[in-house]
Amino acid sequence: MRKQKKYWDGFLAAVTAAIYLFAAGIQVAFGAGWNRSDYYNATSLPMSPISDIVKNITLWLLSIFGFIAVVGFVISGIIYLTSAGDEDRQETAKRAMIYSITGVIVGLAGLVVVFAADMMLRATGGF
């Protein structure tokens, strides 16, 4: 019973953090908090190009993806440290670490693709 309560406490904390990050990311992606008189027209819609909005949302999703990969590193490290010589748990931890490394590589590749596509479409040479 205690383990189950501890599990649900951790799960609810993770869900709460995810909801907070989602709400904060949407506000950042759509430019909340900027000078509204310069940024919005009479319809209260953002005047920035759709490419900027898509880029901001993509960067936000990639940052959450990276955060999850770092959490994977931590969890696999904890599993490895607490395995106490159990080879099955050590293999599980190693497999989780490989998946986390793969996730970081995929996330960084996505970031590179987003910036490369943005530079090609804008015909600029820098960030």
Protein backbone atom coordinates (compact mmCIF):
# COMPACT_ATOMS: atom_id res chain seq x y z
CA MET A 1 0.00 0.00 0.00
CA ARG A 2 2.83 2.38 0.83
CA LYS A 3 4.60 1.77 -2.47
CA GLN A 4 1.40 2.37 -4.37
CA LYS A 5 0.79 5.69 -2.59
CA LYS A 6 4.38 6.74 -3.24
CA TYR A 7 3.98 5.79 -6.92
CA TRP A 8 0.78 7.81 -7.30
CA ASP A 9 2.31 10.81 -5.52
CA GLY A 10 5.21 10.79 -7.98
CA PHE A 11 2.88 10.26 -10.92
CA LEU A 12 0.64 13.16 -9.93
CA ALA A 13 3.68 15.40 -9.42
CA ALA A 14 4.91 14.52 -12.92
CA VAL A 15 1.48 15.19 -14.46
CA THR A 16 1.24 18.53 -12.66
CA ALA A 17 4.70 19.51 -13.90
CA ALA A 18 3.77 18.49 -17.46
CA ILE A 19 0.58 20.58 -17.36
CA TYR A 20 2.53 23.58 -16.05
CA LEU A 21 5.18 23.22 -18.76
CA PHE A 22 2.46 22.87 -21.39
CA ALA A 23 0.69 26.04 -20.25
CA ALA A 24 3.94 28.00 -20.01
CA GLY A 25 5.09 26.77 -23.40
CA ILE A 26 1.87 27.73 -25.14
CA GLN A 27 2.11 31.23 -23.68
CA VAL A 28 5.70 31.57 -24.86
CA ALA A 29 4.96 30.11 -28.28
CA PHE A 30 2.15 32.57 -28.95
CA GLY A 31 3.97 35.54 -27.46
CA ALA A 32 1.94 36.19 -24.32
CA GLY A 33 3.29 38.99 -22.18
CA TRP A 34 4.57 41.14 -25.03
CA ASN A 35 3.35 44.65 -25.77
CA ARG A 36 -0.09 43.81 -27.06
CA SER A 37 -0.61 47.09 -28.90
CA ASP A 38 2.32 46.33 -31.21
CA TYR A 39 1.78 42.61 -31.45
CA TYR A 40 -1.99 42.19 -31.95
CA ASN A 41 -4.37 43.69 -34.45
CA ALA A 42 -8.08 44.40 -33.92
CA THR A 43 -8.95 40.68 -33.97
CA SER A 44 -6.58 39.94 -31.05
CA LEU A 45 -4.72 37.39 -33.17
CA PRO A 46 -0.91 37.38 -33.35
CA MET A 47 0.46 39.36 -36.28
CA SER A 48 3.67 37.33 -36.51
CA PRO A 49 4.07 34.96 -39.44
CA ILE A 50 2.84 31.41 -39.04
CA SER A 51 6.42 30.22 -39.50
CA ASP A 52 7.45 31.96 -36.27
CA ILE A 53 4.57 30.37 -34.37
CA VAL A 54 5.37 26.91 -35.76
CA LYS A 55 9.07 27.40 -34.96
CA ASN A 56 8.29 28.46 -31.37
CA ILE A 57 5.98 25.48 -30.84
CA THR A 58 8.55 23.11 -32.33
CA LEU A 59 11.31 24.48 -30.11
CA TRP A 60 9.04 24.17 -27.10
CA LEU A 61 8.22 20.54 -27.91
CA LEU A 62 11.91 19.77 -28.44
CA SER A 63 12.77 21.30 -25.07
CA ILE A 64 10.19 19.07 -23.36
CA PHE A 65 11.60 16.12 -25.31
CA GLY A 66 15.08 16.96 -24.02
CA PHE A 67 13.78 17.28 -20.46
CA ILE A 68 12.23 13.82 -20.69
CA ALA A 69 15.53 12.44 -22.02
CA VAL A 70 17.41 13.91 -19.04
CA VAL A 71 14.85 12.36 -16.68
CA GLY A 72 15.52 9.06 -18.47
CA PHE A 73 19.23 9.47 -17.74
CA VAL A 74 18.53 10.04 -14.07
CA ILE A 75 16.12 7.13 -13.75
CA SER A 76 18.44 4.70 -15.52
CA GLY A 77 21.32 5.85 -13.31
CA ILE A 78 19.23 5.27 -10.19
CA ILE A 79 18.21 1.81 -11.42
CA TYR A 80 21.84 0.97 -12.12
CA LEU A 81 23.01 2.19 -8.73
CA THR A 82 20.28 0.32 -6.85
CA SER A 83 20.68 -2.93 -8.79
CA ALA A 84 23.03 -4.29 -6.07
CA GLY A 85 24.60 -6.85 -8.38
CA ASP A 86 21.37 -8.04 -9.98
CA GLU A 87 22.37 -8.53 -13.60
CA ASP A 88 18.83 -8.31 -14.95
CA ARG A 89 18.34 -4.85 -13.41
CA GLN A 90 21.76 -3.76 -14.66
CA GLU A 91 20.79 -4.79 -18.19
CA THR A 92 17.48 -2.94 -17.80
CA ALA A 93 19.35 0.18 -16.69
CA LYS A 94 21.81 -0.07 -19.58
CA ARG A 95 18.97 -0.48 -22.06
CA ALA A 96 17.19 2.55 -20.57
CA MET A 97 20.41 4.58 -20.86
CA ILE A 98 20.78 3.59 -24.52
CA TYR A 99 17.17 4.67 -25.15
CA SER A 100 17.84 7.99 -23.40
CA ILE A 101 20.97 8.61 -25.47
CA THR A 102 19.01 7.79 -28.62
CA GLY A 103 16.31 10.24 -27.53
CA VAL A 104 18.84 13.03 -27.01
CA ILE A 105 20.36 12.38 -30.44
CA VAL A 106 16.94 12.40 -32.12
CA GLY A 107 16.00 15.60 -30.26
CA LEU A 108 19.21 17.36 -31.31
CA ALA A 109 18.73 16.18 -34.88
CA GLY A 110 15.21 17.65 -34.81
CA LEU A 111 16.60 20.94 -33.54
CA VAL A 112 19.16 21.01 -36.33
CA VAL A 113 16.47 20.27 -38.91
CA VAL A 114 14.24 23.06 -37.59
CA PHE A 115 17.04 25.64 -37.72
CA ALA A 116 18.27 24.44 -41.13
CA ALA A 117 14.78 24.62 -42.63
CA ASP A 118 14.26 28.06 -41.11
CA MET A 119 17.54 29.34 -42.54
CA MET A 120 16.79 27.87 -45.98
CA LEU A 121 13.29 29.34 -46.10
CA ARG A 122 14.44 32.77 -44.91
CA ALA A 123 17.64 32.71 -47.01
CA THR A 124 19.71 33.87 -44.03
CA GLY A 125 23.05 32.61 -42.84
CA GLY A 126 22.71 32.89 -39.07
CA PHE A 127 20.47 32.44 -36.10
